[in-house]
């Protein structure tokens, strides 16, 4: 039987550390989804008049954005239910952060010179 210490119950630290890592990874994934969404929305607005479903880069990046959002929501829902989600949180963080970078770079390219100037 674990014995109490001044820091809590001995042997339960790993669970608490993993819980913090899961939450941190989900937080990073959610922030990356926000960055990707902002870049995508700005690009769609910049290219007003071009159907985003007809433009291959916008369609591809819209798909990545939706997938990143779903992965992040899936991991967050597991965390909310108190389930172990270290794998899912890591998947969401990896995919969402890579997708955000790709969407942002493509947004800069599609904006042309306007993409490099401040608002």
PDB file of N, CA and C in Angstrom:
ATOM      1  N   UNK A   1       0.845  -1.181   0.000  1.00  0.00           N
ATOM      2  CA  UNK A   1       0.000   0.000   0.000  1.00  0.00           C
ATOM      3  C   UNK A   1       0.892   1.248   0.000  1.00  0.00           C
ATOM      4  N   UNK A   2       0.608   2.190  -0.912  1.00  0.00           N
ATOM      5  CA  UNK A   2       1.410   3.412  -0.925  1.00  0.00           C
ATOM      6  C   UNK A   2       1.232   4.184   0.378  1.00  0.00           C
ATOM      7  N   UNK A   3       2.288   4.789   0.816  1.00  0.00           N
ATOM      8  CA  UNK A   3       2.189   5.561   2.054  1.00  0.00           C
ATOM      9  C   UNK A   3       2.121   7.055   1.729  1.00  0.00           C
ATOM     10  N   UNK A   4       1.346   7.801   2.501  1.00  0.00           N
ATOM     11  CA  UNK A   4       1.237   9.240   2.252  1.00  0.00           C
ATOM     12  C   UNK A   4       2.563   9.944   2.506  1.00  0.00           C
ATOM     13  N   UNK A   5       2.824  10.953   1.708  1.00  0.00           N
ATOM     14  CA  UNK A   5       3.987  11.810   1.897  1.00  0.00           C
ATOM     15  C   UNK A   5       3.497  13.240   1.955  1.00  0.00           C
ATOM     16  N   UNK A   6       4.407  14.161   2.156  1.00  0.00           N
ATOM     17  CA  UNK A   6       3.993  15.567   2.200  1.00  0.00           C
ATOM     18  C   UNK A   6       3.544  16.060   0.825  1.00  0.00           C
ATOM     19  N   UNK A   7       3.855  15.333  -0.253  1.00  0.00           N
ATOM     20  CA  UNK A   7       3.487  15.740  -1.616  1.00  0.00           C
ATOM     21  C   UNK A   7       2.243  15.022  -2.117  1.00  0.00           C
ATOM     22  N   UNK A   8       1.668  14.136  -1.357  1.00  0.00           N
ATOM     23  CA  UNK A   8       0.495  13.394  -1.795  1.00  0.00           C
ATOM     24  C   UNK A   8       0.709  11.915  -1.566  1.00  0.00           C
ATOM     25  N   UNK A   9       0.171  11.122  -2.432  1.00  0.00           N
ATOM     26  CA  UNK A   9       0.267   9.671  -2.319  1.00  0.00           C
ATOM     27  C   UNK A   9       1.444   9.188  -3.159  1.00  0.00           C
ATOM     28  N   UNK A  10       2.314   8.427  -2.533  1.00  0.00           N
ATOM     29  CA  UNK A  10       3.488   7.906  -3.226  1.00  0.00           C
ATOM     30  C   UNK A  10       3.059   6.969  -4.355  1.00  0.00           C
ATOM     31  N   UNK A  11       3.717   7.102  -5.490  1.00  0.00           N
ATOM     32  CA  UNK A  11       3.434   6.219  -6.625  1.00  0.00           C
ATOM     33  C   UNK A  11       2.416   6.772  -7.607  1.00  0.00           C
ATOM     34  N   UNK A  12       1.856   7.933  -7.347  1.00  0.00           N
ATOM     35  CA  UNK A  12       0.846   8.494  -8.245  1.00  0.00           C
ATOM     36  C   UNK A  12       1.363   9.683  -9.050  1.00  0.00           C
ATOM     37  N   UNK A  13       2.621   9.989  -8.908  1.00  0.00           N
ATOM     38  CA  UNK A  13       3.179  11.148  -9.590  1.00  0.00           C
ATOM     39  C   UNK A  13       3.168  11.022 -11.103  1.00  0.00           C
ATOM     40  N   UNK A  14       3.452   9.823 -11.618  1.00  0.00           N
ATOM     41  CA  UNK A  14       3.493   9.622 -13.067  1.00  0.00           C
ATOM     42  C   UNK A  14       2.147   9.959 -13.700  1.00  0.00           C
ATOM     43  N   UNK A  15       1.076   9.544 -13.051  1.00  0.00           N
ATOM     44  CA  UNK A  15      -0.264   9.821 -13.581  1.00  0.00           C
ATOM     45  C   UNK A  15      -0.501  11.327 -13.662  1.00  0.00           C
ATOM     46  N   UNK A  16      -0.066  12.052 -12.641  1.00  0.00           N
ATOM     47  CA  UNK A  16      -0.254  13.504 -12.640  1.00  0.00           C
ATOM     48  C   UNK A  16       0.610  14.180 -13.703  1.00  0.00           C
ATOM     49  N   UNK A  17       1.835  13.712 -13.847  1.00  0.00           N
ATOM     50  CA  UNK A  17       2.720  14.285 -14.869  1.00  0.00           C
ATOM     51  C   UNK A  17       2.149  14.031 -16.255  1.00  0.00           C
ATOM     52  N   UNK A  18       1.697  12.821 -16.510  1.00  0.00           N
ATOM     53  CA  UNK A  18       1.123  12.498 -17.822  1.00  0.00           C
ATOM     54  C   UNK A  18      -0.135  13.317 -18.082  1.00  0.00           C
ATOM     55  N   UNK A  19      -0.937  13.533 -17.052  1.00  0.00           N
ATOM     56  CA  UNK A  19      -2.135  14.356 -17.215  1.00  0.00           C
ATOM     57  C   UNK A  19      -1.778  15.774 -17.634  1.00  0.00           C
ATOM     58  N   UNK A  20      -0.714  16.309 -17.047  1.00  0.00           N
ATOM     59  CA  UNK A  20      -0.262  17.648 -17.425  1.00  0.00           C
ATOM     60  C   UNK A  20       0.269  17.694 -18.842  1.00  0.00           C
ATOM     61  N   UNK A  21       0.990  16.653 -19.234  1.00  0.00           N
ATOM     62  CA  UNK A  21       1.504  16.604 -20.601  1.00  0.00           C
ATOM     63  C   UNK A  21       0.370  16.488 -21.614  1.00  0.00           C
ATOM     64  N   UNK A  22      -0.630  15.672 -21.289  1.00  0.00           N
ATOM     65  CA  UNK A  22      -1.775  15.540 -22.185  1.00  0.00           C
ATOM     66  C   UNK A  22      -2.462  16.887 -22.382  1.00  0.00           C
ATOM     67  N   UNK A  23      -2.713  17.584 -21.277  1.00  0.00           N
ATOM     68  CA  UNK A  23      -3.384  18.890 -21.363  1.00  0.00           C
ATOM     69  C   UNK A  23      -2.541  19.885 -22.154  1.00  0.00           C
ATOM     70  N   UNK A  24      -1.248  19.883 -21.936  1.00  0.00           N
ATOM     71  CA  UNK A  24      -0.366  20.785 -22.668  1.00  0.00           C
ATOM     72  C   UNK A  24      -0.355  20.508 -24.152  1.00  0.00           C
ATOM     73  N   UNK A  25      -0.330  19.242 -24.509  1.00  0.00           N
ATOM     74  CA  UNK A  25      -0.331  18.886 -25.937  1.00  0.00           C
ATOM     75  C   UNK A  25      -1.643  19.273 -26.599  1.00  0.00           C
ATOM     76  N   UNK A  26      -2.742  19.065 -25.903  1.00  0.00           N
ATOM     77  CA  UNK A  26      -4.049  19.447 -26.445  1.00  0.00           C
ATOM     78  C   UNK A  26      -4.127  20.959 -26.600  1.00  0.00           C
ATOM     79  N   UNK A  27      -3.585  21.686 -25.637  1.00  0.00           N
ATOM     80  CA  UNK A  27      -3.563  23.148 -25.707  1.00  0.00           C
ATOM     81  C   UNK A  27      -2.772  23.626 -26.924  1.00  0.00           C
ATOM     82  N   UNK A  28      -1.619  23.044 -27.150  1.00  0.00           N
ATOM     83  CA  UNK A  28      -0.803  23.423 -28.311  1.00  0.00           C
ATOM     84  C   UNK A  28      -1.540  23.094 -29.602  1.00  0.00           C
ATOM     85  N   UNK A  29      -2.191  21.929 -29.651  1.00  0.00           N
ATOM     86  CA  UNK A  29      -2.950  21.554 -30.845  1.00  0.00           C
ATOM     87  C   UNK A  29      -4.075  22.550 -31.102  1.00  0.00           C
ATOM     88  N   UNK A  30      -4.781  22.954 -30.049  1.00  0.00           N
ATOM     89  CA  UNK A  30      -5.882  23.905 -30.209  1.00  0.00           C
ATOM     90  C   UNK A  30      -5.370  25.256 -30.703  1.00  0.00           C
ATOM     91  N   UNK A  31      -4.238  25.693 -30.192  1.00  0.00           N
ATOM     92  CA  UNK A  31      -3.657  26.954 -30.654  1.00  0.00           C
ATOM     93  C   UNK A  31      -3.250  26.856 -32.123  1.00  0.00           C
ATOM     94  N   UNK A  32      -2.693  25.721 -32.510  1.00  0.00           N
ATOM     95  CA  UNK A  32      -2.291  25.524 -33.906  1.00  0.00           C
ATOM     96  C   UNK A  32      -3.512  25.530 -34.817  1.00  0.00           C
ATOM     97  N   UNK A  33      -4.607  24.938 -34.378  1.00  0.00           N
ATOM     98  CA  UNK A  33      -5.842  24.966 -35.169  1.00  0.00           C
ATOM     99  C   UNK A  33      -6.297  26.416 -35.349  1.00  0.00           C
ATOM    100  N   UNK A  34      -6.181  27.220 -34.304  1.00  0.00           N
ATOM    101  CA  UNK A  34      -6.553  28.627 -34.407  1.00  0.00           C
ATOM    102  C   UNK A  34      -5.691  29.385 -35.398  1.00  0.00           C
ATOM    103  N   UNK A  35      -4.393  29.116 -35.380  1.00  0.00           N
ATOM    104  CA  UNK A  35      -3.480  29.761 -36.331  1.00  0.00           C
ATOM    105  C   UNK A  35      -3.838  29.352 -37.759  1.00  0.00           C
ATOM    106  N   UNK A  36      -4.062  28.062 -37.965  1.00  0.00           N
ATOM    107  CA  UNK A  36      -4.407  27.568 -39.302  1.00  0.00           C
ATOM    108  C   UNK A  36      -5.732  28.159 -39.770  1.00  0.00           C
ATOM    109  N   UNK A  37      -6.702  28.243 -38.864  1.00  0.00           N
ATOM    110  CA  UNK A  37      -8.010  28.802 -39.233  1.00  0.00           C
ATOM    111  C   UNK A  37      -7.883  30.259 -39.648  1.00  0.00           C
ATOM    112  N   UNK A  38      -7.115  31.035 -38.896  1.00  0.00           N
ATOM    113  CA  UNK A  38      -6.928  32.455 -39.228  1.00  0.00           C
ATOM    114  C   UNK A  38      -6.240  32.613 -40.579  1.00  0.00           C
ATOM    115  N   UNK A  39      -5.201  31.830 -40.824  1.00  0.00           N
ATOM    116  CA  UNK A  39      -4.495  31.910 -42.110  1.00  0.00           C
ATOM    117  C   UNK A  39      -5.409  31.500 -43.252  1.00  0.00           C
ATOM    118  N   UNK A  40      -6.185  30.456 -43.051  1.00  0.00           N
ATOM    119  CA  UNK A  40      -7.109  29.976 -44.075  1.00  0.00           C
ATOM    120  C   UNK A  40      -8.185  31.026 -44.363  1.00  0.00           C
ATOM    121  N   UNK A  41      -8.788  31.569 -43.306  1.00  0.00           N
ATOM    122  CA  UNK A  41      -9.843  32.574 -43.484  1.00  0.00           C
ATOM    123  C   UNK A  41      -9.320  33.811 -44.201  1.00  0.00           C
ATOM    124  N   UNK A  42      -8.129  34.282 -43.817  1.00  0.00           N
ATOM    125  CA  UNK A  42      -7.538  35.447 -44.485  1.00  0.00           C
ATOM    126  C   UNK A  42      -7.276  35.173 -45.958  1.00  0.00           C
ATOM    127  N   UNK A  43      -6.842  33.963 -46.264  1.00  0.00           N
ATOM    128  CA  UNK A  43      -6.560  33.612 -47.656  1.00  0.00           C
ATOM    129  C   UNK A  43      -7.845  33.545 -48.475  1.00  0.00           C
ATOM    130  N   UNK A  44      -8.883  32.940 -47.907  1.00  0.00           N
ATOM    131  CA  UNK A  44     -10.167  32.877 -48.612  1.00  0.00           C
ATOM    132  C   UNK A  44     -10.693  34.292 -48.858  1.00  0.00           C
ATOM    133  N   UNK A  45     -10.587  35.171 -47.866  1.00  0.00           N
ATOM    134  CA  UNK A  45     -11.037  36.557 -48.040  1.00  0.00           C
ATOM    135  C   UNK A  45     -10.193  37.272 -49.091  1.00  0.00           C
ATOM    136  N   UNK A  46      -8.888  37.033 -49.071  1.00  0.00           N
ATOM    137  CA  UNK A  46      -7.997  37.673 -50.037  1.00  0.00           C
ATOM    138  C   UNK A  46      -8.304  37.234 -51.466  1.00  0.00           C
ATOM    139  N   UNK A  47      -8.686  35.989 -51.606  1.00  0.00           N
ATOM    140  CA  UNK A  47      -8.985  35.442 -52.933  1.00  0.00           C
ATOM    141  C   UNK A  47     -10.484  35.447 -53.202  1.00  0.00           C
ATOM    142  N   UNK A  48     -11.179  36.432 -52.664  1.00  0.00           N
ATOM    143  CA  UNK A  48     -12.631  36.525 -52.856  1.00  0.00           C
ATOM    144  C   UNK A  48     -12.960  36.446 -54.341  1.00  0.00           C
ATOM    145  N   UNK A  49     -13.969  35.688 -54.655  1.00  0.00           N
ATOM    146  CA  UNK A  49     -14.341  35.498 -56.048  1.00  0.00           C
ATOM    147  C   UNK A  49     -13.836  34.181 -56.598  1.00  0.00           C
ATOM    148  N   UNK A  50     -12.870  33.567 -55.916  1.00  0.00           N
ATOM    149  CA  UNK A  50     -12.399  32.243 -56.319  1.00  0.00           C
ATOM    150  C   UNK A  50     -13.030  31.241 -55.364  1.00  0.00           C
ATOM    151  N   UNK A  51     -13.751  30.302 -55.908  1.00  0.00           N
ATOM    152  CA  UNK A  51     -14.399  29.287 -55.081  1.00  0.00           C
ATOM    153  C   UNK A  51     -13.329  28.456 -54.382  1.00  0.00           C
ATOM    154  N   UNK A  52     -13.286  28.465 -53.037  1.00  0.00           N
ATOM    155  CA  UNK A  52     -12.230  27.728 -52.334  1.00  0.00           C
ATOM    156  C   UNK A  52     -12.250  26.230 -52.626  1.00  0.00           C
ATOM    157  N   UNK A  53     -13.411  25.709 -53.026  1.00  0.00           N
ATOM    158  CA  UNK A  53     -13.472  24.279 -53.351  1.00  0.00           C
ATOM    159  C   UNK A  53     -12.838  23.985 -54.708  1.00  0.00           C
ATOM    160  N   UNK A  54     -12.671  25.011 -55.520  1.00  0.00           N
ATOM    161  CA  UNK A  54     -12.073  24.818 -56.844  1.00  0.00           C
ATOM    162  C   UNK A  54     -10.575  25.061 -56.850  1.00  0.00           C
ATOM    163  N   UNK A  55     -10.054  25.660 -55.833  1.00  0.00           N
ATOM    164  CA  UNK A  55      -8.625  25.941 -55.764  1.00  0.00           C
ATOM    165  C   UNK A  55      -7.950  24.798 -55.012  1.00  0.00           C
ATOM    166  N   UNK A  56      -7.047  24.060 -55.652  1.00  0.00           N
ATOM    167  CA  UNK A  56      -6.472  22.866 -55.017  1.00  0.00           C
ATOM    168  C   UNK A  56      -5.795  23.141 -53.679  1.00  0.00           C
ATOM    169  N   UNK A  57      -5.045  24.234 -53.584  1.00  0.00           N
ATOM    170  CA  UNK A  57      -4.340  24.511 -52.320  1.00  0.00           C
ATOM    171  C   UNK A  57      -5.339  24.811 -51.209  1.00  0.00           C
ATOM    172  N   UNK A  58      -6.377  25.580 -51.508  1.00  0.00           N
ATOM    173  CA  UNK A  58      -7.370  25.897 -50.485  1.00  0.00           C
ATOM    174  C   UNK A  58      -8.152  24.651 -50.071  1.00  0.00           C
ATOM    175  N   UNK A  59      -8.481  23.818 -51.027  1.00  0.00           N
ATOM    176  CA  UNK A  59      -9.203  22.588 -50.694  1.00  0.00           C
ATOM    177  C   UNK A  59      -8.341  21.662 -49.846  1.00  0.00           C
ATOM    178  N   UNK A  60      -7.092  21.523 -50.211  1.00  0.00           N
ATOM    179  CA  UNK A  60      -6.167  20.658 -49.461  1.00  0.00           C
ATOM    180  C   UNK A  60      -5.973  21.176 -48.037  1.00  0.00           C
ATOM    181  N   UNK A  61      -5.784  22.491 -47.929  1.00  0.00           N
ATOM    182  CA  UNK A  61      -5.540  23.050 -46.605  1.00  0.00           C
ATOM    183  C   UNK A  61      -6.815  23.136 -45.775  1.00  0.00           C
ATOM    184  N   UNK A  62      -7.940  23.303 -46.410  1.00  0.00           N
ATOM    185  CA  UNK A  62      -9.206  23.228 -45.683  1.00  0.00           C
ATOM    186  C   UNK A  62      -9.432  21.844 -45.106  1.00  0.00           C
ATOM    187  N   UNK A  63      -9.044  20.830 -45.869  1.00  0.00           N
ATOM    188  CA  UNK A  63      -9.151  19.449 -45.391  1.00  0.00           C
ATOM    189  C   UNK A  63      -8.220  19.211 -44.214  1.00  0.00           C
ATOM    190  N   UNK A  64      -6.991  19.690 -44.307  1.00  0.00           N
ATOM    191  CA  UNK A  64      -6.037  19.538 -43.197  1.00  0.00           C
ATOM    192  C   UNK A  64      -6.544  20.263 -41.956  1.00  0.00           C
ATOM    193  N   UNK A  65      -7.113  21.440 -42.148  1.00  0.00           N
ATOM    194  CA  UNK A  65      -7.645  22.208 -41.028  1.00  0.00           C
ATOM    195  C   UNK A  65      -8.775  21.434 -40.339  1.00  0.00           C
ATOM    196  N   UNK A  66      -9.687  20.893 -41.118  1.00  0.00           N
ATOM    197  CA  UNK A  66     -10.806  20.142 -40.541  1.00  0.00           C
ATOM    198  C   UNK A  66     -10.297  18.896 -39.808  1.00  0.00           C
ATOM    199  N   UNK A  67      -9.339  18.197 -40.397  1.00  0.00           N
ATOM    200  CA  UNK A  67      -8.790  17.001 -39.750  1.00  0.00           C
ATOM    201  C   UNK A  67      -8.072  17.352 -38.447  1.00  0.00           C
ATOM    202  N   UNK A  68      -7.329  18.450 -38.458  1.00  0.00           N
ATOM    203  CA  UNK A  68      -6.627  18.882 -37.242  1.00  0.00           C
ATOM    204  C   UNK A  68      -7.630  19.238 -36.151  1.00  0.00           C
ATOM    205  N   UNK A  69      -8.703  19.909 -36.527  1.00  0.00           N
ATOM    206  CA  UNK A  69      -9.734  20.280 -35.558  1.00  0.00           C
ATOM    207  C   UNK A  69     -10.398  19.022 -34.975  1.00  0.00           C
ATOM    208  N   UNK A  70     -10.675  18.054 -35.812  1.00  0.00           N
ATOM    209  CA  UNK A  70     -11.310  16.823 -35.333  1.00  0.00           C
ATOM    210  C   UNK A  70     -10.382  16.027 -34.416  1.00  0.00           C
ATOM    211  N   UNK A  71      -9.111  15.909 -34.784  1.00  0.00           N
ATOM    212  CA  UNK A  71      -8.155  15.211 -33.920  1.00  0.00           C
ATOM    213  C   UNK A  71      -8.040  15.900 -32.566  1.00  0.00           C
ATOM    214  N   UNK A  72      -7.994  17.216 -32.585  1.00  0.00           N
ATOM    215  CA  UNK A  72      -7.876  17.979 -31.346  1.00  0.00           C
ATOM    216  C   UNK A  72      -9.125  17.819 -30.494  1.00  0.00           C
ATOM    217  N   UNK A  73     -10.291  17.888 -31.113  1.00  0.00           N
ATOM    218  CA  UNK A  73     -11.545  17.700 -30.381  1.00  0.00           C
ATOM    219  C   UNK A  73     -11.655  16.305 -29.789  1.00  0.00           C
ATOM    220  N   UNK A  74     -11.197  15.316 -30.529  1.00  0.00           N
ATOM    221  CA  UNK A  74     -11.225  13.930 -30.077  1.00  0.00           C
ATOM    222  C   UNK A  74     -10.357  13.768 -28.829  1.00  0.00           C
ATOM    223  N   UNK A  75      -9.147  14.290 -28.877  1.00  0.00           N
ATOM    224  CA  UNK A  75      -8.250  14.191 -27.724  1.00  0.00           C
ATOM    225  C   UNK A  75      -8.809  14.968 -26.534  1.00  0.00           C
ATOM    226  N   UNK A  76      -9.349  16.158 -26.786  1.00  0.00           N
ATOM    227  CA  UNK A  76      -9.894  16.974 -25.700  1.00  0.00           C
ATOM    228  C   UNK A  76     -11.104  16.300 -25.053  1.00  0.00           C
ATOM    229  N   UNK A  77     -11.941  15.670 -25.860  1.00  0.00           N
ATOM    230  CA  UNK A  77     -13.106  14.965 -25.306  1.00  0.00           C
ATOM    231  C   UNK A  77     -12.670  13.792 -24.428  1.00  0.00           C
ATOM    232  N   UNK A  78     -11.642  13.084 -24.860  1.00  0.00           N
ATOM    233  CA  UNK A  78     -11.123  11.990 -24.035  1.00  0.00           C
ATOM    234  C   UNK A  78     -10.600  12.528 -22.708  1.00  0.00           C
ATOM    235  N   UNK A  79      -9.866  13.635 -22.763  1.00  0.00           N
ATOM    236  CA  UNK A  79      -9.323  14.259 -21.556  1.00  0.00           C
ATOM    237  C   UNK A  79     -10.462  14.692 -20.635  1.00  0.00           C
ATOM    238  N   UNK A  80     -11.509  15.280 -21.206  1.00  0.00           N
ATOM    239  CA  UNK A  80     -12.658  15.720 -20.410  1.00  0.00           C
ATOM    240  C   UNK A  80     -13.353  14.551 -19.716  1.00  0.00           C
ATOM    241  N   UNK A  81     -13.356  13.397 -20.373  1.00  0.00           N
ATOM    242  CA  UNK A  81     -13.983  12.213 -19.775  1.00  0.00           C
ATOM    243  C   UNK A  81     -13.080  11.525 -18.759  1.00  0.00           C
ATOM    244  N   UNK A  82     -11.864  12.037 -18.606  1.00  0.00           N
ATOM    245  CA  UNK A  82     -10.928  11.439 -17.655  1.00  0.00           C
ATOM    246  C   UNK A  82     -10.229  10.196 -18.185  1.00  0.00           C
ATOM    247  N   UNK A  83     -10.275   9.992 -19.492  1.00  0.00           N
ATOM    248  CA  UNK A  83      -9.623   8.843 -20.104  1.00  0.00           C
ATOM    249  C   UNK A  83      -8.164   9.170 -20.397  1.00  0.00           C
ATOM    250  N   UNK A  84      -7.353   8.141 -20.462  1.00  0.00           N
ATOM    251  CA  UNK A  84      -5.963   8.324 -20.857  1.00  0.00           C
ATOM    252  C   UNK A  84      -5.942   8.688 -22.347  1.00  0.00           C
ATOM    253  N   UNK A  85      -5.197   9.746 -22.676  1.00  0.00           N
ATOM    254  CA  UNK A  85      -5.191  10.211 -24.068  1.00  0.00           C
ATOM    255  C   UNK A  85      -3.813  10.693 -24.491  1.00  0.00           C
ATOM    256  N   UNK A  86      -2.767  10.085 -23.946  1.00  0.00           N
ATOM    257  CA  UNK A  86      -1.427  10.543 -24.300  1.00  0.00           C
ATOM    258  C   UNK A  86      -1.142  10.351 -25.788  1.00  0.00           C
ATOM    259  N   UNK A  87      -1.542   9.242 -26.350  1.00  0.00           N
ATOM    260  CA  UNK A  87      -1.324   8.993 -27.773  1.00  0.00           C
ATOM    261  C   UNK A  87      -2.134   9.972 -28.622  1.00  0.00           C
ATOM    262  N   UNK A  88      -3.408  10.128 -28.293  1.00  0.00           N
ATOM    263  CA  UNK A  88      -4.286  11.001 -29.061  1.00  0.00           C
ATOM    264  C   UNK A  88      -3.853  12.460 -28.955  1.00  0.00           C
ATOM    265  N   UNK A  89      -3.439  12.883 -27.767  1.00  0.00           N
ATOM    266  CA  UNK A  89      -2.968  14.262 -27.589  1.00  0.00           C
ATOM    267  C   UNK A  89      -1.708  14.505 -28.412  1.00  0.00           C
ATOM    268  N   UNK A  90      -0.809  13.531 -28.434  1.00  0.00           N
ATOM    269  CA  UNK A  90       0.403  13.655 -29.238  1.00  0.00           C
ATOM    270  C   UNK A  90       0.093  13.691 -30.723  1.00  0.00           C
ATOM    271  N   UNK A  91      -0.853  12.866 -31.158  1.00  0.00           N
ATOM    272  CA  UNK A  91      -1.253  12.870 -32.565  1.00  0.00           C
ATOM    273  C   UNK A  91      -1.847  14.221 -32.948  1.00  0.00           C
ATOM    274  N   UNK A  92      -2.708  14.753 -32.095  1.00  0.00           N
ATOM    275  CA  UNK A  92      -3.343  16.039 -32.376  1.00  0.00           C
ATOM    276  C   UNK A  92      -2.304  17.153 -32.438  1.00  0.00           C
ATOM    277  N   UNK A  93      -1.376  17.156 -31.484  1.00  0.00           N
ATOM    278  CA  UNK A  93      -0.338  18.195 -31.460  1.00  0.00           C
ATOM    279  C   UNK A  93       0.518  18.129 -32.721  1.00  0.00           C
ATOM    280  N   UNK A  94       0.960  16.952 -33.087  1.00  0.00           N
ATOM    281  CA  UNK A  94       1.806  16.793 -34.262  1.00  0.00           C
ATOM    282  C   UNK A  94       1.077  17.228 -35.530  1.00  0.00           C
ATOM    283  N   UNK A  95      -0.103  16.682 -35.741  1.00  0.00           N
ATOM    284  CA  UNK A  95      -0.819  16.962 -36.987  1.00  0.00           C
ATOM    285  C   UNK A  95      -1.257  18.419 -37.063  1.00  0.00           C
ATOM    286  N   UNK A  96      -1.785  18.946 -35.965  1.00  0.00           N
ATOM    287  CA  UNK A  96      -2.273  20.329 -35.982  1.00  0.00           C
ATOM    288  C   UNK A  96      -1.133  21.328 -36.172  1.00  0.00           C
ATOM    289  N   UNK A  97      -0.001  21.108 -35.508  1.00  0.00           N
ATOM    290  CA  UNK A  97       1.104  22.057 -35.645  1.00  0.00           C
ATOM    291  C   UNK A  97       1.727  21.985 -37.034  1.00  0.00           C
ATOM    292  N   UNK A  98       1.864  20.795 -37.583  1.00  0.00           N
ATOM    293  CA  UNK A  98       2.389  20.680 -38.950  1.00  0.00           C
ATOM    294  C   UNK A  98       1.411  21.279 -39.963  1.00  0.00           C
ATOM    295  N   UNK A  99       0.132  21.052 -39.757  1.00  0.00           N
ATOM    296  CA  UNK A  99      -0.880  21.603 -40.655  1.00  0.00           C
ATOM    297  C   UNK A  99      -0.901  23.127 -40.583  1.00  0.00           C
ATOM    298  N   UNK A 100      -0.782  23.683 -39.385  1.00  0.00           N
ATOM    299  CA  UNK A 100      -0.770  25.143 -39.230  1.00  0.00           C
ATOM    300  C   UNK A 100       0.400  25.756 -39.984  1.00  0.00           C
ATOM    301  N   UNK A 101       1.544  25.121 -39.894  1.00  0.00           N
ATOM    302  CA  UNK A 101       2.725  25.635 -40.603  1.00  0.00           C
ATOM    303  C   UNK A 101       2.497  25.586 -42.112  1.00  0.00           C
ATOM    304  N   UNK A 102       1.975  24.482 -42.611  1.00  0.00           N
ATOM    305  CA  UNK A 102       1.732  24.353 -44.048  1.00  0.00           C
ATOM    306  C   UNK A 102       0.700  25.363 -44.538  1.00  0.00           C
ATOM    307  N   UNK A 103      -0.379  25.525 -43.783  1.00  0.00           N
ATOM    308  CA  UNK A 103      -1.427  26.463 -44.180  1.00  0.00           C
ATOM    309  C   UNK A 103      -0.889  27.892 -44.160  1.00  0.00           C
ATOM    310  N   UNK A 104      -0.118  28.242 -43.154  1.00  0.00           N
ATOM    311  CA  UNK A 104       0.431  29.601 -43.062  1.00  0.00           C
ATOM    312  C   UNK A 104       1.406  29.889 -44.200  1.00  0.00           C
ATOM    313  N   UNK A 105       2.258  28.944 -44.528  1.00  0.00           N
ATOM    314  CA  UNK A 105       3.207  29.143 -45.627  1.00  0.00           C
ATOM    315  C   UNK A 105       2.458  29.291 -46.951  1.00  0.00           C
ATOM    316  N   UNK A 106       1.450  28.456 -47.152  1.00  0.00           N
ATOM    317  CA  UNK A 106       0.665  28.555 -48.390  1.00  0.00           C
ATOM    318  C   UNK A 106      -0.114  29.869 -48.426  1.00  0.00           C
ATOM    319  N   UNK A 107      -0.596  30.327 -47.290  1.00  0.00           N
ATOM    320  CA  UNK A 107      -1.303  31.609 -47.237  1.00  0.00           C
ATOM    321  C   UNK A 107      -0.373  32.738 -47.654  1.00  0.00           C
ATOM    322  N   UNK A 108       0.852  32.711 -47.170  1.00  0.00           N
ATOM    323  CA  UNK A 108       1.823  33.735 -47.581  1.00  0.00           C
ATOM    324  C   UNK A 108       2.048  33.700 -49.086  1.00  0.00           C
ATOM    325  N   UNK A 109       2.166  32.500 -49.622  1.00  0.00           N
ATOM    326  CA  UNK A 109       2.391  32.368 -51.063  1.00  0.00           C
ATOM    327  C   UNK A 109       1.198  32.899 -51.860  1.00  0.00           C
ATOM    328  N   UNK A 110      -0.001  32.549 -51.441  1.00  0.00           N
ATOM    329  CA  UNK A 110      -1.194  32.963 -52.180  1.00  0.00           C
ATOM    330  C   UNK A 110      -1.489  34.453 -52.025  1.00  0.00           C
ATOM    331  N   UNK A 111      -1.036  35.046 -50.938  1.00  0.00           N
ATOM    332  CA  UNK A 111      -1.219  36.476 -50.740  1.00  0.00           C
ATOM    333  C   UNK A 111      -0.212  37.288 -51.561  1.00  0.00           C
ATOM    334  N   UNK A 112       0.840  36.644 -52.029  1.00  0.00           N
ATOM    335  CA  UNK A 112       1.860  37.357 -52.781  1.00  0.00           C
ATOM    336  C   UNK A 112       2.547  38.393 -51.917  1.00  0.00           C
ATOM    337  N   UNK A 113       2.832  39.560 -52.460  1.00  0.00           N
ATOM    338  CA  UNK A 113       3.513  40.624 -51.731  1.00  0.00           C
ATOM    339  C   UNK A 113       2.722  41.099 -50.525  1.00  0.00           C
ATOM    340  N   UNK A 114       1.397  41.020 -50.609  1.00  0.00           N
ATOM    341  CA  UNK A 114       0.558  41.455 -49.486  1.00  0.00           C
ATOM    342  C   UNK A 114       0.732  40.558 -48.270  1.00  0.00           C
ATOM    343  N   UNK A 115       1.196  39.330 -48.480  1.00  0.00           N
ATOM    344  CA  UNK A 115       1.378  38.406 -47.367  1.00  0.00           C
ATOM    345  C   UNK A 115       2.575  38.728 -46.495  1.00  0.00           C
ATOM    346  N   UNK A 116       3.488  39.527 -47.007  1.00  0.00           N
ATOM    347  CA  UNK A 116       4.699  39.849 -46.246  1.00  0.00           C
ATOM    348  C   UNK A 116       4.629  41.220 -45.597  1.00  0.00           C
ATOM    349  N   UNK A 117       3.538  41.957 -45.817  1.00  0.00           N
ATOM    350  CA  UNK A 117       3.444  43.298 -45.233  1.00  0.00           C
ATOM    351  C   UNK A 117       2.507  43.278 -44.035  1.00  0.00           C
ATOM    352  N   UNK A 118       2.752  44.161 -43.073  1.00  0.00           N
ATOM    353  CA  UNK A 118       1.868  44.217 -41.898  1.00  0.00           C
ATOM    354  C   UNK A 118       0.486  44.722 -42.293  1.00  0.00           C
ATOM    355  N   UNK A 119      -0.502  44.396 -41.495  1.00  0.00           N
ATOM    356  CA  UNK A 119      -1.886  44.805 -41.797  1.00  0.00           C
ATOM    357  C   UNK A 119      -2.076  46.249 -41.692  1.00  0.00           C
TER     358      UNK A 119
END
